[in-house]
N, C-alpha and C. Protein backbone atom coordinates (compact mmCIF):
# COMPACT_ATOMS: atom_id res chain seq x y z
N MET A 1 17.27 21.97 13.00
CA MET A 1 17.37 20.62 13.56
C MET A 1 17.11 19.60 12.46
N ASP A 2 17.91 18.53 12.47
CA ASP A 2 17.69 17.45 11.53
C ASP A 2 16.27 16.92 11.69
N GLU A 3 15.60 16.65 10.56
CA GLU A 3 14.19 16.26 10.62
C GLU A 3 13.99 14.94 11.37
N LYS A 4 14.93 14.01 11.24
CA LYS A 4 14.77 12.73 11.94
C LYS A 4 14.94 12.90 13.45
N ILE A 5 15.82 13.79 13.85
CA ILE A 5 15.98 14.06 15.28
C ILE A 5 14.73 14.70 15.85
N LEU A 6 14.15 15.63 15.08
CA LEU A 6 12.91 16.27 15.54
C LEU A 6 11.81 15.22 15.74
N ILE A 7 11.69 14.31 14.78
CA ILE A 7 10.67 13.26 14.89
C ILE A 7 10.94 12.40 16.12
N ALA A 8 12.20 12.00 16.30
CA ALA A 8 12.54 11.14 17.43
C ALA A 8 12.26 11.84 18.76
N LYS A 9 12.59 13.12 18.84
CA LYS A 9 12.34 13.87 20.07
C LYS A 9 10.85 13.93 20.39
N ARG A 10 10.04 14.14 19.35
CA ARG A 10 8.59 14.22 19.60
C ARG A 10 8.02 12.86 19.99
N VAL A 11 8.49 11.81 19.34
CA VAL A 11 8.01 10.47 19.70
C VAL A 11 8.41 10.12 21.13
N ALA A 12 9.61 10.52 21.53
CA ALA A 12 10.09 10.20 22.88
C ALA A 12 9.16 10.74 23.95
N LEU A 13 8.49 11.84 23.66
CA LEU A 13 7.56 12.42 24.63
C LEU A 13 6.34 11.53 24.87
N GLU A 14 6.12 10.56 23.98
CA GLU A 14 4.98 9.65 24.14
C GLU A 14 5.29 8.49 25.08
N MET A 15 6.56 8.32 25.44
CA MET A 15 6.94 7.20 26.30
C MET A 15 6.57 7.48 27.75
N LYS A 16 6.09 6.46 28.44
CA LYS A 16 5.73 6.57 29.84
C LYS A 16 6.61 5.65 30.67
N ALA A 17 6.92 6.08 31.88
CA ALA A 17 7.76 5.27 32.76
C ALA A 17 7.18 3.87 32.93
N GLY A 18 8.05 2.89 32.77
CA GLY A 18 7.62 1.50 32.93
C GLY A 18 7.13 0.85 31.67
N ASN A 19 7.02 1.61 30.57
CA ASN A 19 6.57 1.02 29.31
C ASN A 19 7.53 -0.05 28.82
N LEU A 20 6.98 -1.07 28.17
CA LEU A 20 7.77 -2.04 27.42
C LEU A 20 7.61 -1.65 25.95
N VAL A 21 8.72 -1.33 25.30
CA VAL A 21 8.67 -0.67 23.99
C VAL A 21 9.51 -1.42 22.98
N ASN A 22 8.96 -1.60 21.80
CA ASN A 22 9.71 -2.15 20.67
C ASN A 22 9.94 -1.04 19.67
N LEU A 23 11.17 -0.94 19.18
CA LEU A 23 11.51 0.08 18.19
C LEU A 23 11.87 -0.58 16.87
N GLY A 24 11.28 -0.10 15.79
CA GLY A 24 11.67 -0.57 14.48
C GLY A 24 13.08 -0.12 14.14
N ILE A 25 13.65 -0.71 13.10
CA ILE A 25 15.01 -0.34 12.72
C ILE A 25 15.00 1.04 12.06
N GLY A 26 16.17 1.69 12.06
CA GLY A 26 16.29 3.00 11.42
C GLY A 26 15.86 4.12 12.35
N LEU A 27 15.08 5.04 11.82
CA LEU A 27 14.67 6.24 12.56
C LEU A 27 14.13 5.94 13.97
N PRO A 28 13.26 4.95 14.15
CA PRO A 28 12.71 4.74 15.50
C PRO A 28 13.77 4.50 16.57
N THR A 29 14.92 3.93 16.22
CA THR A 29 15.94 3.67 17.24
C THR A 29 16.49 4.96 17.84
N LEU A 30 16.34 6.09 17.14
CA LEU A 30 16.82 7.38 17.66
C LEU A 30 16.04 7.79 18.92
N VAL A 31 14.86 7.24 19.10
CA VAL A 31 14.02 7.62 20.25
C VAL A 31 14.76 7.37 21.56
N THR A 32 15.60 6.35 21.61
CA THR A 32 16.29 6.02 22.86
C THR A 32 17.18 7.17 23.35
N ARG A 33 17.61 8.04 22.45
CA ARG A 33 18.52 9.14 22.82
C ARG A 33 17.80 10.31 23.46
N TYR A 34 16.48 10.37 23.31
CA TYR A 34 15.78 11.59 23.69
C TYR A 34 14.65 11.37 24.69
N LEU A 35 14.74 10.27 25.45
CA LEU A 35 13.73 10.04 26.48
C LEU A 35 13.77 11.17 27.51
N PRO A 36 12.62 11.66 27.93
CA PRO A 36 12.61 12.71 28.95
C PRO A 36 13.27 12.22 30.24
N ALA A 37 13.86 13.14 30.99
CA ALA A 37 14.51 12.78 32.24
C ALA A 37 13.53 12.08 33.17
N GLY A 38 13.96 10.99 33.77
CA GLY A 38 13.13 10.29 34.73
C GLY A 38 12.19 9.28 34.12
N VAL A 39 12.14 9.22 32.80
CA VAL A 39 11.27 8.24 32.13
C VAL A 39 12.11 7.03 31.75
N ASN A 40 11.99 6.00 32.53
CA ASN A 40 12.73 4.76 32.27
C ASN A 40 11.81 3.74 31.64
N VAL A 41 12.19 3.28 30.47
CA VAL A 41 11.41 2.26 29.78
C VAL A 41 12.32 1.07 29.47
N MET A 42 11.71 -0.06 29.21
CA MET A 42 12.48 -1.24 28.80
C MET A 42 12.24 -1.47 27.31
N PHE A 43 13.33 -1.66 26.58
CA PHE A 43 13.20 -1.87 25.15
C PHE A 43 13.30 -3.35 24.83
N GLN A 44 12.39 -3.78 23.98
CA GLN A 44 12.33 -5.18 23.55
C GLN A 44 12.67 -5.26 22.07
N SER A 45 13.31 -6.33 21.69
CA SER A 45 13.54 -6.60 20.28
C SER A 45 12.96 -7.97 19.96
N GLU A 46 12.28 -8.08 18.81
CA GLU A 46 11.56 -9.31 18.51
C GLU A 46 12.47 -10.51 18.27
N ASN A 47 13.78 -10.28 18.12
CA ASN A 47 14.67 -11.43 17.98
C ASN A 47 15.06 -12.02 19.34
N GLY A 48 14.53 -11.43 20.45
CA GLY A 48 14.65 -12.14 21.71
C GLY A 48 15.36 -11.46 22.84
N ILE A 49 15.04 -10.23 23.15
CA ILE A 49 15.63 -9.58 24.31
C ILE A 49 14.67 -8.53 24.88
N ILE A 50 14.64 -8.43 26.19
CA ILE A 50 14.04 -7.29 26.89
C ILE A 50 15.17 -6.67 27.71
N GLY A 51 15.33 -5.36 27.55
CA GLY A 51 16.43 -4.68 28.23
C GLY A 51 17.54 -4.29 27.26
N MET A 52 17.13 -4.10 26.01
CA MET A 52 18.10 -3.72 24.98
C MET A 52 18.61 -2.30 25.22
N GLU A 53 19.89 -2.10 24.99
CA GLU A 53 20.50 -0.78 25.07
C GLU A 53 21.14 -0.47 23.73
N MET A 54 20.68 0.60 23.09
CA MET A 54 21.20 0.92 21.77
C MET A 54 22.60 1.50 21.88
N GLY A 55 23.44 1.18 20.91
CA GLY A 55 24.76 1.77 20.82
C GLY A 55 25.67 1.39 21.96
N PRO A 56 26.19 0.16 21.99
CA PRO A 56 27.12 -0.21 23.07
C PRO A 56 28.39 0.63 23.01
N GLU A 57 29.06 0.71 24.14
CA GLU A 57 30.30 1.48 24.20
C GLU A 57 31.30 0.91 23.20
N PRO A 58 32.15 1.78 22.63
CA PRO A 58 33.16 1.30 21.68
C PRO A 58 33.99 0.16 22.28
N GLY A 59 34.13 -0.91 21.52
CA GLY A 59 34.91 -2.05 21.96
C GLY A 59 34.11 -3.08 22.72
N LEU A 60 32.86 -2.76 23.08
CA LEU A 60 32.05 -3.69 23.87
C LEU A 60 30.98 -4.40 23.05
N ALA A 61 30.91 -4.11 21.74
CA ALA A 61 29.92 -4.79 20.90
C ALA A 61 30.24 -6.28 20.81
N SER A 62 29.20 -7.10 20.85
CA SER A 62 29.36 -8.55 20.75
C SER A 62 28.59 -9.05 19.55
N GLU A 63 29.19 -9.95 18.79
CA GLU A 63 28.50 -10.49 17.63
C GLU A 63 27.30 -11.36 18.03
N ASP A 64 27.21 -11.70 19.29
CA ASP A 64 26.10 -12.51 19.77
C ASP A 64 24.93 -11.66 20.27
N LEU A 65 25.08 -10.35 20.22
CA LEU A 65 24.04 -9.48 20.77
C LEU A 65 23.70 -8.41 19.73
N SER A 66 22.53 -8.53 19.13
CA SER A 66 22.12 -7.57 18.11
C SER A 66 20.62 -7.33 18.19
N ASP A 67 20.17 -6.23 17.57
CA ASP A 67 18.74 -6.00 17.46
C ASP A 67 18.20 -6.77 16.25
N ALA A 68 16.89 -6.59 15.98
CA ALA A 68 16.26 -7.35 14.90
C ALA A 68 16.81 -6.97 13.53
N GLY A 69 17.44 -5.80 13.44
CA GLY A 69 18.03 -5.37 12.18
C GLY A 69 19.48 -5.80 12.04
N GLY A 70 20.03 -6.48 13.04
CA GLY A 70 21.40 -6.94 12.98
C GLY A 70 22.42 -5.95 13.50
N SER A 71 21.99 -4.82 14.01
CA SER A 71 22.91 -3.82 14.56
C SER A 71 23.32 -4.22 15.98
N PRO A 72 24.58 -3.98 16.36
CA PRO A 72 25.02 -4.34 17.71
C PRO A 72 24.28 -3.53 18.77
N ILE A 73 23.99 -4.19 19.87
CA ILE A 73 23.29 -3.55 20.99
C ILE A 73 24.00 -3.91 22.29
N GLY A 74 23.63 -3.24 23.35
CA GLY A 74 24.07 -3.60 24.68
C GLY A 74 22.87 -4.13 25.46
N ALA A 75 23.10 -4.49 26.70
CA ALA A 75 22.02 -4.99 27.56
C ALA A 75 22.12 -4.29 28.90
N VAL A 76 20.99 -3.78 29.40
CA VAL A 76 20.99 -3.11 30.69
C VAL A 76 20.97 -4.16 31.80
N PRO A 77 21.39 -3.79 33.01
CA PRO A 77 21.29 -4.75 34.12
C PRO A 77 19.85 -5.25 34.28
N GLY A 78 19.71 -6.56 34.41
CA GLY A 78 18.38 -7.15 34.53
C GLY A 78 17.76 -7.56 33.22
N ALA A 79 18.50 -7.37 32.12
CA ALA A 79 17.97 -7.75 30.81
C ALA A 79 17.74 -9.25 30.74
N ALA A 80 16.79 -9.65 29.90
CA ALA A 80 16.48 -11.07 29.71
C ALA A 80 16.57 -11.39 28.22
N VAL A 81 17.10 -12.55 27.90
CA VAL A 81 17.15 -13.01 26.51
C VAL A 81 16.40 -14.33 26.40
N PHE A 82 15.80 -14.55 25.24
CA PHE A 82 14.96 -15.74 25.05
C PHE A 82 14.85 -16.00 23.56
N ASP A 83 14.18 -17.09 23.21
CA ASP A 83 14.08 -17.43 21.79
C ASP A 83 12.95 -16.66 21.11
N SER A 84 12.91 -16.78 19.77
CA SER A 84 11.93 -16.03 19.00
C SER A 84 10.50 -16.46 19.32
N ALA A 85 10.31 -17.73 19.67
CA ALA A 85 8.96 -18.20 19.97
C ALA A 85 8.38 -17.45 21.17
N ILE A 86 9.18 -17.32 22.22
CA ILE A 86 8.73 -16.57 23.40
C ILE A 86 8.55 -15.10 23.05
N SER A 87 9.48 -14.56 22.27
CA SER A 87 9.42 -13.14 21.93
C SER A 87 8.14 -12.81 21.16
N PHE A 88 7.81 -13.65 20.16
CA PHE A 88 6.60 -13.36 19.39
C PHE A 88 5.35 -13.72 20.18
N GLY A 89 5.45 -14.66 21.10
CA GLY A 89 4.32 -14.93 21.99
C GLY A 89 4.02 -13.72 22.86
N LEU A 90 5.09 -13.06 23.29
CA LEU A 90 4.94 -11.84 24.09
C LEU A 90 4.24 -10.75 23.28
N ILE A 91 4.66 -10.59 22.02
CA ILE A 91 4.06 -9.56 21.16
C ILE A 91 2.61 -9.90 20.83
N ARG A 92 2.40 -11.14 20.37
CA ARG A 92 1.04 -11.52 19.96
C ARG A 92 0.10 -11.65 21.15
N GLY A 93 0.66 -11.84 22.33
CA GLY A 93 -0.17 -11.94 23.53
C GLY A 93 -0.59 -10.60 24.09
N GLY A 94 -0.19 -9.51 23.45
CA GLY A 94 -0.64 -8.19 23.88
C GLY A 94 0.12 -7.63 25.07
N HIS A 95 1.37 -8.07 25.27
CA HIS A 95 2.13 -7.62 26.45
C HIS A 95 3.04 -6.42 26.16
N LEU A 96 3.08 -6.00 24.92
CA LEU A 96 3.93 -4.87 24.55
C LEU A 96 3.12 -3.58 24.65
N ASP A 97 3.64 -2.61 25.41
CA ASP A 97 2.89 -1.36 25.58
C ASP A 97 2.89 -0.52 24.30
N VAL A 98 4.05 -0.38 23.69
CA VAL A 98 4.19 0.53 22.55
C VAL A 98 5.14 -0.08 21.53
N THR A 99 4.82 0.10 20.25
CA THR A 99 5.81 -0.12 19.20
C THR A 99 5.94 1.16 18.38
N VAL A 100 7.16 1.49 18.02
CA VAL A 100 7.43 2.65 17.16
C VAL A 100 8.04 2.11 15.88
N LEU A 101 7.37 2.34 14.77
CA LEU A 101 7.80 1.78 13.50
C LEU A 101 7.99 2.89 12.47
N GLY A 102 8.90 2.66 11.54
CA GLY A 102 9.01 3.54 10.39
C GLY A 102 7.88 3.25 9.42
N GLY A 103 7.72 4.12 8.44
CA GLY A 103 6.63 3.92 7.49
C GLY A 103 6.99 4.37 6.09
N LEU A 104 6.48 3.65 5.11
CA LEU A 104 6.61 4.09 3.72
C LEU A 104 5.38 4.87 3.28
N GLN A 105 4.21 4.44 3.78
CA GLN A 105 2.96 5.14 3.50
C GLN A 105 2.01 4.95 4.68
N VAL A 106 1.19 5.95 4.93
CA VAL A 106 0.04 5.83 5.82
C VAL A 106 -1.14 6.42 5.08
N ASP A 107 -2.28 5.71 5.13
CA ASP A 107 -3.41 6.22 4.36
C ASP A 107 -4.46 6.88 5.24
N GLN A 108 -5.49 7.36 4.57
CA GLN A 108 -6.52 8.16 5.25
C GLN A 108 -7.27 7.35 6.30
N GLN A 109 -7.20 6.03 6.18
CA GLN A 109 -7.84 5.16 7.16
C GLN A 109 -6.92 4.87 8.35
N GLY A 110 -5.70 5.41 8.28
CA GLY A 110 -4.75 5.18 9.36
C GLY A 110 -4.03 3.86 9.25
N GLN A 111 -4.04 3.27 8.07
CA GLN A 111 -3.36 1.99 7.87
C GLN A 111 -1.94 2.24 7.35
N LEU A 112 -1.05 1.33 7.77
CA LEU A 112 0.38 1.50 7.51
C LEU A 112 0.86 0.53 6.44
N ALA A 113 1.77 1.00 5.60
CA ALA A 113 2.54 0.14 4.69
C ALA A 113 4.01 0.45 4.96
N ASN A 114 4.76 -0.58 5.38
CA ASN A 114 6.15 -0.25 5.76
C ASN A 114 7.16 -1.34 5.45
N TRP A 115 6.84 -2.28 4.56
CA TRP A 115 7.82 -3.35 4.42
C TRP A 115 8.27 -3.62 3.00
N MET A 116 7.54 -3.28 1.98
CA MET A 116 7.99 -3.56 0.62
C MET A 116 8.51 -2.29 -0.03
N VAL A 117 9.83 -2.22 -0.20
CA VAL A 117 10.45 -1.05 -0.80
C VAL A 117 10.49 -1.25 -2.32
N PRO A 118 9.78 -0.41 -3.09
CA PRO A 118 9.74 -0.61 -4.54
C PRO A 118 11.14 -0.63 -5.16
N GLY A 119 11.39 -1.63 -5.98
CA GLY A 119 12.65 -1.70 -6.71
C GLY A 119 13.81 -2.24 -5.91
N LYS A 120 13.58 -2.63 -4.67
CA LYS A 120 14.68 -3.11 -3.84
C LYS A 120 14.35 -4.50 -3.29
N MET A 121 15.41 -5.29 -3.16
CA MET A 121 15.24 -6.61 -2.57
C MET A 121 15.26 -6.45 -1.05
N VAL A 122 14.20 -6.87 -0.41
CA VAL A 122 14.15 -6.83 1.05
C VAL A 122 13.78 -8.22 1.55
N PRO A 123 14.23 -8.57 2.74
CA PRO A 123 13.98 -9.92 3.22
C PRO A 123 12.54 -10.18 3.62
N GLY A 124 11.74 -9.17 3.79
CA GLY A 124 10.36 -9.39 4.21
C GLY A 124 9.97 -8.39 5.27
N MET A 125 8.78 -8.54 5.80
CA MET A 125 8.27 -7.54 6.73
C MET A 125 8.81 -7.73 8.15
N GLY A 126 9.55 -8.81 8.39
CA GLY A 126 10.08 -9.01 9.74
C GLY A 126 8.95 -9.13 10.73
N GLY A 127 9.09 -8.44 11.86
CA GLY A 127 8.07 -8.54 12.90
C GLY A 127 7.01 -7.48 12.81
N ALA A 128 7.04 -6.64 11.77
CA ALA A 128 6.14 -5.49 11.74
C ALA A 128 4.68 -5.90 11.80
N MET A 129 4.30 -6.95 11.07
CA MET A 129 2.90 -7.37 11.04
C MET A 129 2.43 -7.74 12.46
N ASP A 130 3.26 -8.51 13.15
CA ASP A 130 2.90 -8.91 14.51
C ASP A 130 2.86 -7.71 15.45
N LEU A 131 3.81 -6.81 15.29
CA LEU A 131 3.87 -5.65 16.16
C LEU A 131 2.65 -4.75 15.99
N VAL A 132 2.25 -4.50 14.75
CA VAL A 132 1.10 -3.63 14.52
C VAL A 132 -0.18 -4.28 15.07
N CYS A 133 -0.26 -5.58 14.93
CA CYS A 133 -1.47 -6.28 15.42
C CYS A 133 -1.46 -6.47 16.94
N GLY A 134 -0.25 -6.64 17.52
CA GLY A 134 -0.20 -7.06 18.91
C GLY A 134 0.09 -5.99 19.93
N ALA A 135 0.78 -4.93 19.57
CA ALA A 135 1.14 -3.90 20.56
C ALA A 135 -0.10 -3.10 20.96
N ARG A 136 -0.11 -2.68 22.22
CA ARG A 136 -1.27 -1.91 22.68
C ARG A 136 -1.35 -0.55 21.98
N ARG A 137 -0.19 0.02 21.66
CA ARG A 137 -0.18 1.34 21.00
C ARG A 137 0.85 1.31 19.87
N VAL A 138 0.44 1.76 18.69
CA VAL A 138 1.32 1.76 17.52
C VAL A 138 1.59 3.21 17.10
N ILE A 139 2.86 3.58 17.14
CA ILE A 139 3.27 4.93 16.72
C ILE A 139 4.12 4.79 15.46
N VAL A 140 3.80 5.53 14.44
CA VAL A 140 4.61 5.54 13.22
C VAL A 140 5.42 6.82 13.18
N ALA A 141 6.73 6.65 13.00
CA ALA A 141 7.67 7.78 12.91
C ALA A 141 8.26 7.76 11.52
N MET A 142 7.91 8.74 10.72
CA MET A 142 8.41 8.76 9.34
C MET A 142 8.45 10.19 8.81
N THR A 143 9.23 10.39 7.75
CA THR A 143 9.23 11.70 7.10
C THR A 143 7.90 11.89 6.38
N HIS A 144 7.50 13.15 6.25
CA HIS A 144 6.17 13.45 5.70
C HIS A 144 6.10 13.14 4.21
N THR A 145 7.22 13.32 3.52
CA THR A 145 7.29 13.06 2.08
C THR A 145 8.57 12.30 1.77
N ALA A 146 8.64 11.74 0.57
CA ALA A 146 9.87 11.10 0.09
C ALA A 146 10.19 11.67 -1.28
N LYS A 147 11.29 12.40 -1.36
CA LYS A 147 11.68 13.07 -2.61
C LYS A 147 10.52 13.91 -3.16
N GLY A 148 9.84 14.59 -2.26
CA GLY A 148 8.77 15.49 -2.65
C GLY A 148 7.42 14.83 -2.85
N VAL A 149 7.37 13.51 -2.75
CA VAL A 149 6.11 12.78 -2.95
C VAL A 149 5.46 12.50 -1.59
N ALA A 150 4.17 12.79 -1.49
CA ALA A 150 3.47 12.60 -0.23
C ALA A 150 3.46 11.13 0.18
N LYS A 151 3.67 10.88 1.47
CA LYS A 151 3.61 9.51 2.01
C LYS A 151 2.32 9.29 2.79
N ILE A 152 1.59 10.38 3.04
CA ILE A 152 0.28 10.29 3.70
C ILE A 152 -0.75 10.51 2.61
N ILE A 153 -1.45 9.44 2.24
CA ILE A 153 -2.26 9.45 1.03
C ILE A 153 -3.63 8.82 1.27
N GLU A 154 -4.50 8.92 0.25
CA GLU A 154 -5.86 8.40 0.42
C GLU A 154 -5.87 6.90 0.64
N ARG A 155 -5.17 6.17 -0.18
CA ARG A 155 -5.08 4.71 -0.06
C ARG A 155 -3.64 4.28 -0.28
N CYS A 156 -3.13 3.41 0.57
CA CYS A 156 -1.77 2.91 0.37
C CYS A 156 -1.69 2.16 -0.95
N THR A 157 -0.67 2.44 -1.72
CA THR A 157 -0.43 1.71 -2.96
C THR A 157 0.53 0.54 -2.74
N LEU A 158 1.22 0.54 -1.62
CA LEU A 158 2.09 -0.57 -1.25
C LEU A 158 1.30 -1.55 -0.37
N PRO A 159 1.76 -2.78 -0.25
CA PRO A 159 1.03 -3.75 0.58
C PRO A 159 0.94 -3.28 2.02
N LEU A 160 -0.25 -3.44 2.60
CA LEU A 160 -0.45 -3.05 4.00
C LEU A 160 0.33 -3.96 4.93
N THR A 161 0.83 -3.37 6.00
CA THR A 161 1.43 -4.18 7.07
C THR A 161 0.34 -4.83 7.89
N SER A 162 -0.74 -4.12 8.10
CA SER A 162 -1.89 -4.63 8.85
C SER A 162 -3.10 -3.76 8.50
N VAL A 163 -4.29 -4.31 8.68
CA VAL A 163 -5.50 -3.50 8.48
C VAL A 163 -5.83 -2.71 9.74
N ARG A 164 -5.08 -2.96 10.82
CA ARG A 164 -5.33 -2.22 12.06
C ARG A 164 -4.96 -0.75 11.87
N ARG A 165 -5.79 0.12 12.40
CA ARG A 165 -5.49 1.55 12.37
C ARG A 165 -4.42 1.86 13.40
N ILE A 166 -3.37 2.58 12.99
CA ILE A 166 -2.33 2.97 13.94
C ILE A 166 -2.87 4.01 14.91
N ASP A 167 -2.13 4.27 15.97
CA ASP A 167 -2.62 5.18 17.01
C ASP A 167 -2.09 6.60 16.87
N LEU A 168 -0.89 6.76 16.32
CA LEU A 168 -0.32 8.11 16.22
C LEU A 168 0.70 8.12 15.09
N LEU A 169 0.75 9.23 14.37
CA LEU A 169 1.72 9.43 13.29
C LEU A 169 2.50 10.70 13.56
N VAL A 170 3.82 10.57 13.60
CA VAL A 170 4.68 11.73 13.85
C VAL A 170 5.62 11.91 12.66
N THR A 171 5.59 13.10 12.08
CA THR A 171 6.52 13.45 11.00
C THR A 171 7.27 14.71 11.39
N GLU A 172 8.16 15.16 10.50
CA GLU A 172 8.91 16.38 10.79
C GLU A 172 8.04 17.63 10.65
N LEU A 173 6.81 17.45 10.14
CA LEU A 173 5.91 18.58 9.97
C LEU A 173 4.75 18.58 10.95
N ALA A 174 4.36 17.39 11.41
CA ALA A 174 3.10 17.34 12.15
C ALA A 174 2.98 16.10 13.01
N VAL A 175 2.04 16.19 13.95
CA VAL A 175 1.56 15.03 14.70
C VAL A 175 0.10 14.83 14.29
N ILE A 176 -0.21 13.62 13.85
CA ILE A 176 -1.54 13.33 13.29
C ILE A 176 -2.12 12.13 14.04
N VAL A 177 -3.40 12.26 14.39
CA VAL A 177 -4.09 11.18 15.10
C VAL A 177 -5.10 10.54 14.16
N PRO A 178 -4.89 9.28 13.77
CA PRO A 178 -5.90 8.59 12.96
C PRO A 178 -7.13 8.25 13.79
N THR A 179 -8.30 8.52 13.26
CA THR A 179 -9.56 8.21 13.94
C THR A 179 -10.51 7.55 12.94
N ALA A 180 -11.65 7.10 13.43
CA ALA A 180 -12.64 6.49 12.55
C ALA A 180 -13.18 7.50 11.54
N GLU A 181 -13.09 8.77 11.88
CA GLU A 181 -13.59 9.82 10.98
C GLU A 181 -12.53 10.30 10.00
N GLY A 182 -11.28 9.95 10.22
CA GLY A 182 -10.20 10.40 9.34
C GLY A 182 -8.98 10.81 10.14
N LEU A 183 -8.02 11.42 9.46
CA LEU A 183 -6.76 11.83 10.07
C LEU A 183 -6.91 13.23 10.65
N VAL A 184 -6.66 13.33 11.96
CA VAL A 184 -6.84 14.62 12.64
C VAL A 184 -5.48 15.24 12.90
N LEU A 185 -5.31 16.46 12.43
CA LEU A 185 -4.07 17.19 12.66
C LEU A 185 -4.05 17.69 14.10
N GLN A 186 -3.13 17.18 14.89
CA GLN A 186 -3.07 17.54 16.31
C GLN A 186 -2.05 18.62 16.59
N GLU A 187 -0.87 18.52 15.94
CA GLU A 187 0.20 19.49 16.19
C GLU A 187 0.94 19.78 14.87
N THR A 188 1.50 20.95 14.80
CA THR A 188 2.45 21.26 13.72
C THR A 188 3.83 21.42 14.35
N ALA A 189 4.87 21.20 13.55
CA ALA A 189 6.23 21.40 14.04
C ALA A 189 6.49 22.89 14.22
N PRO A 190 7.44 23.25 15.09
CA PRO A 190 7.77 24.66 15.26
C PRO A 190 8.12 25.32 13.92
N GLY A 191 7.50 26.46 13.64
CA GLY A 191 7.78 27.19 12.41
C GLY A 191 7.05 26.67 11.18
N VAL A 192 6.22 25.66 11.35
CA VAL A 192 5.47 25.07 10.23
C VAL A 192 4.01 25.47 10.35
N SER A 193 3.41 25.93 9.26
CA SER A 193 2.01 26.34 9.30
C SER A 193 1.10 25.16 8.93
N VAL A 194 -0.16 25.31 9.27
CA VAL A 194 -1.16 24.30 8.89
C VAL A 194 -1.20 24.16 7.37
N ASP A 195 -1.12 25.28 6.66
CA ASP A 195 -1.16 25.22 5.19
C ASP A 195 0.01 24.43 4.63
N GLN A 196 1.19 24.55 5.24
CA GLN A 196 2.35 23.78 4.77
C GLN A 196 2.12 22.28 4.97
N VAL A 197 1.52 21.93 6.09
CA VAL A 197 1.23 20.52 6.34
C VAL A 197 0.23 20.00 5.30
N LEU A 198 -0.83 20.77 5.07
CA LEU A 198 -1.84 20.34 4.11
C LEU A 198 -1.26 20.20 2.71
N ALA A 199 -0.36 21.11 2.34
CA ALA A 199 0.22 21.08 1.00
C ALA A 199 1.12 19.85 0.79
N ALA A 200 1.70 19.36 1.88
CA ALA A 200 2.61 18.21 1.78
C ALA A 200 1.90 16.88 1.98
N THR A 201 0.59 16.93 2.19
CA THR A 201 -0.19 15.73 2.48
C THR A 201 -1.06 15.37 1.28
N GLY A 202 -1.10 14.07 0.98
CA GLY A 202 -1.81 13.62 -0.22
C GLY A 202 -3.24 13.21 0.02
N CYS A 203 -3.82 13.63 1.12
CA CYS A 203 -5.24 13.33 1.38
C CYS A 203 -5.78 14.41 2.30
N THR A 204 -7.05 14.30 2.58
CA THR A 204 -7.71 15.30 3.43
C THR A 204 -7.34 15.07 4.90
N LEU A 205 -7.03 16.16 5.58
CA LEU A 205 -6.83 16.11 7.03
C LEU A 205 -7.96 16.87 7.71
N ILE A 206 -8.38 16.36 8.84
CA ILE A 206 -9.34 17.09 9.68
C ILE A 206 -8.54 18.09 10.51
N VAL A 207 -8.88 19.36 10.40
CA VAL A 207 -8.11 20.41 11.07
C VAL A 207 -8.99 21.06 12.14
N PRO A 208 -8.77 20.71 13.40
CA PRO A 208 -9.54 21.37 14.47
C PRO A 208 -9.12 22.83 14.63
N SER A 209 -9.85 23.52 15.46
CA SER A 209 -9.54 24.94 15.67
C SER A 209 -8.38 25.13 16.64
N ASP A 210 -8.00 24.04 17.33
CA ASP A 210 -6.99 24.17 18.39
C ASP A 210 -5.72 23.36 18.07
N VAL A 211 -5.23 23.45 16.86
CA VAL A 211 -3.98 22.76 16.50
C VAL A 211 -2.82 23.40 17.27
N CYS A 212 -2.07 22.57 17.98
CA CYS A 212 -0.97 23.07 18.82
C CYS A 212 0.36 22.98 18.06
N VAL A 213 1.38 23.53 18.67
CA VAL A 213 2.74 23.42 18.16
C VAL A 213 3.46 22.35 18.99
N MET A 214 4.23 21.49 18.32
CA MET A 214 4.97 20.46 19.05
C MET A 214 5.78 21.09 20.18
N PRO A 215 5.76 20.50 21.35
CA PRO A 215 6.56 21.03 22.48
C PRO A 215 8.03 20.64 22.36
N ILE A 216 8.64 21.05 21.24
CA ILE A 216 10.03 20.72 20.97
C ILE A 216 10.81 22.02 20.78
N ALA A 217 11.88 22.20 21.52
CA ALA A 217 12.72 23.38 21.34
C ALA A 217 13.70 23.12 20.21
N ILE A 218 13.80 24.04 19.26
CA ILE A 218 14.73 23.86 18.15
C ILE A 218 15.70 25.04 18.09
């Protein structure tokens, strides 16, 4: 299974019926494809919509309807659109149940860095800072390493998105829960050993005696 699909499938299991969810651009948008049956959530985009539908039918894309990354989207029946002021008021007011964001680094304190790509011109962090600070639950979906280099490390070397500790980290190798005591290994991916996870991680993980396997069929 493609590693990004595995991550998206595992993150989708965290969604609860009725959740209001914001998805970061890239990998997090794949989560919409793998929601468990019967779990209906509403997707919000910080550029001003609740009821976003990823991937409109061919020929139905509108240049007036896009997600925060500029990709065309659809709208489910009952969707609402509004300006950025209302959208960010909603986020900063604590009304968002979950945000799923990509990550460049996560450190041992559970802090995220996800907006400054070394050597590349990027427009800025977008809504990530607000989302990490304002959402009730922050899930980071990212690959465990980049070109063989660990992305889970003792201290982020890239600028932090927020000093807030994220709530859950899902990679193609593991599910990790950041706590005040450190990063706790909760699950390994199917066919992946604890030692493989530790070898690919650039900091200490707390390994309980009851590490489970992700409930994902591959």
